[in-house]
Amino acid sequence: MGQEIERKFLVDAARLGELAGGEVMRQGYIDTRSLATVRARIAGERGWLTLKGGNRGGVRSEFEYEIPVEDARQIIDELCRHPVIAKTRYRREYRGYTWEIDVFEEDNAGLIVAEVELGDVTEDPPLPDWVTGEVTSDPRYYNSQLALRPFRQWPPSDR
């Protein structure tokens, strides 16, 4: 069974420094009535279909399949709710861990989130100084929820 173990953090852009070599992503979510999320994603010139189970403290089942990019475009345009998620993903190594830094655009502009994937739920990676508060268990920061209630719609007190 596929499984994803990750922690998610907010990022202080002022401490982050320059980012280079990012991959532009566009992803949409198909409406489901369960804990599962179904996502179509375009990353660069590749397409992906991903199914994820409910989040249990940073752990959830995950099944990801590469699909033709044109199929991903059609799924996003025709089957996914809108707005879709637009972001650029950067990768940065820090003390043996690869951090994925997502700089959101369009309806979620102003939000920067960093995720680190772990091999075990008990792992406690060292945190870079540009990481601020942890939001692993805060569903507002799930991409599927940002598609429903974009960051720009949040009142300043919720940011």
Foldseek 3Di string as FASTA:
>chain_A
DAKWAKWKFFFQPVPPDDFDDWWKKWKFWADDPAQKIWMWMQTHQWIKIKIWGHDDQRMTGIDMDTDHSVVSVCCRVPGGDDDIWIWIWTWDDDPHWIKIWTQTDDLQHPTIMIMTTDPDNPDDDDDDPRTDGICRPPVCPDNNNCRVPPPNNDDPVVD
